[in-house]
Protein backbone atom coordinates (compact mmCIF):
# COMPACT_ATOMS: atom_id res chain seq x y z
CA VAL A 1 21.03 84.82 68.66
CA GLN A 2 23.63 85.32 65.96
CA VAL A 3 27.31 84.59 65.57
CA ALA A 4 29.40 86.15 62.81
CA ILE A 5 32.27 84.05 61.53
CA THR A 6 35.20 84.67 59.23
CA LEU A 7 37.59 82.21 57.61
CA ASP A 8 40.83 83.24 55.98
CA GLY A 9 44.13 81.65 55.04
CA CYS A 10 42.50 78.43 53.85
CA GLU A 11 41.55 76.79 50.57
CA LYS A 12 38.07 77.55 49.23
CA GLU A 13 37.19 73.84 49.45
CA ASP A 14 37.98 73.83 53.16
CA ALA A 15 35.97 77.03 53.63
CA GLN A 16 33.04 75.34 51.90
CA THR A 17 33.40 72.26 54.14
CA VAL A 18 33.23 74.43 57.28
CA LEU A 19 30.32 76.54 55.98
CA ALA A 20 28.40 73.41 54.93
CA ALA A 21 28.89 71.79 58.36
CA LEU A 22 27.65 74.94 60.10
CA GLY A 23 24.77 75.24 57.61
CA THR A 24 23.63 71.75 58.59
CA SER A 25 23.37 72.83 62.22
CA PHE A 26 22.22 76.44 62.02
CA ALA A 27 20.31 78.86 59.79
CA SER A 28 22.64 81.20 57.88
CA ASP A 29 22.59 84.41 55.89
CA ARG A 30 24.39 82.49 53.09
CA ALA A 31 22.36 80.48 50.61
CA PRO A 32 23.54 76.85 50.20
CA GLU A 33 24.43 77.58 46.56
CA ASP A 34 26.58 80.58 47.58
CA LEU A 35 29.89 78.74 47.37
CA PRO A 36 33.23 80.29 48.34
CA ALA A 37 35.19 81.53 45.34
CA ASP A 38 38.79 82.53 44.84
CA ALA A 39 39.68 86.22 44.97
CA PRO A 40 41.52 87.81 42.05
CA GLU A 41 45.15 86.74 41.98
CA GLY A 42 47.31 88.26 44.68
CA ARG A 43 44.44 89.42 46.84
CA PRO A 44 43.74 87.95 50.28
CA THR A 45 40.54 85.95 50.57
CA VAL A 46 38.20 86.12 53.54
CA TRP A 47 34.90 84.29 53.72
CA SER A 48 32.23 85.37 56.17
CA ALA A 49 28.77 84.30 57.25
CA THR A 50 26.34 84.87 60.07
CA PHE A 51 24.61 81.96 61.79
CA ASP A 52 21.51 81.96 63.99
CA VAL A 53 22.43 79.53 66.77
CA SER A 54 19.18 79.87 68.72
CA ARG A 55 17.95 76.56 67.28
CA THR A 56 19.86 73.50 66.07
CA LEU A 57 18.58 72.28 62.71
CA GLY A 58 20.59 69.05 62.59
CA LEU A 59 23.97 67.56 63.33
CA PRO A 60 26.67 67.27 60.68
CA GLY A 61 28.70 64.12 60.40
CA PRO A 62 32.49 64.13 60.50
CA ALA A 63 33.92 66.29 57.71
CA HIS A 64 37.36 66.22 56.08
CA LEU A 65 39.69 69.23 55.74
CA SER A 66 42.81 69.25 53.59
CA GLU A 67 44.60 71.20 56.35
CA PRO A 68 43.70 72.78 59.71
CA VAL A 69 41.43 75.83 59.43
CA THR A 70 41.09 78.79 61.81
CA VAL A 71 37.63 80.29 62.28
CA THR A 72 37.03 83.59 64.05
CA ALA A 73 33.61 83.68 65.74
CA GLN A 74 32.06 86.79 67.26
CA GLY A 75 28.88 86.93 69.32
CA GLY A 76 27.45 86.50 72.78
CA TYR A 77 29.24 84.12 75.12
CA ARG A 78 26.59 81.37 75.00
CA ALA A 79 26.10 81.84 71.24
CA VAL A 80 29.80 81.33 70.52
CA ASP A 81 29.74 78.22 72.73
CA ARG A 82 26.79 76.82 70.77
CA LEU A 83 28.61 77.44 67.49
CA ARG A 84 31.72 75.70 68.85
CA GLU A 85 29.59 72.73 69.95
CA GLY A 86 28.08 72.52 66.45
CA LEU A 87 31.54 72.55 64.88
CA ALA A 88 32.66 69.81 67.28
CA GLU A 89 30.19 67.43 65.61
CA ALA A 90 32.24 67.62 62.40
CA PHE A 91 35.77 68.57 63.48
CA ALA A 92 38.23 68.45 66.34
CA VAL A 93 37.94 72.00 67.75
CA ARG A 94 40.51 73.81 69.86
CA VAL A 95 40.14 77.38 71.17
CA VAL A 96 43.38 79.18 70.28
CA GLY A 97 42.47 82.67 71.45
CA THR A 98 39.69 84.82 72.86
CA ALA A 99 38.96 88.49 73.36
CA SER A 100 36.21 89.26 75.85
CA GLY A 101 33.91 92.22 75.98
CA ASP A 102 30.99 93.19 78.19
CA GLN A 103 28.31 91.26 76.30
CA GLU A 104 30.26 89.55 73.50
CA GLN A 105 33.40 87.63 72.82
CA GLU A 106 35.58 86.89 69.86
CA ALA A 107 37.02 83.39 69.74
CA ARG A 108 39.59 81.92 67.37
CA LEU A 109 38.87 78.26 66.82
CA ARG A 110 41.31 75.82 65.22
CA LEU A 111 39.52 73.07 63.28
CA GLU A 112 41.19 69.77 62.39
CA ASN A 113 40.00 66.39 61.21
CA GLN A 114 38.58 64.18 63.98
């Protein structure tokens, strides 16, 4: 049960904080040493990862962001809910938008410090 996420419009350190929190909870296609990097100057930066939310590995503690971050999550309804629940262990999470399909949904989640 996989959820694909993207982060954009945030600092690479905040992207790493979000990816690390999710990596504590769920298996990912990103290796822990695969840290977000800046794009060449003037280019937009988007970080992405896929998480297997079928099993919780652990619970992250509260994490600190320098500013609010928006995460776009795409997957099955229950899978996106599990990802949101995992994020809620580390951040205050607010759903700011959804697009629903037959079997999947896309949710925009706003993350802030707890």
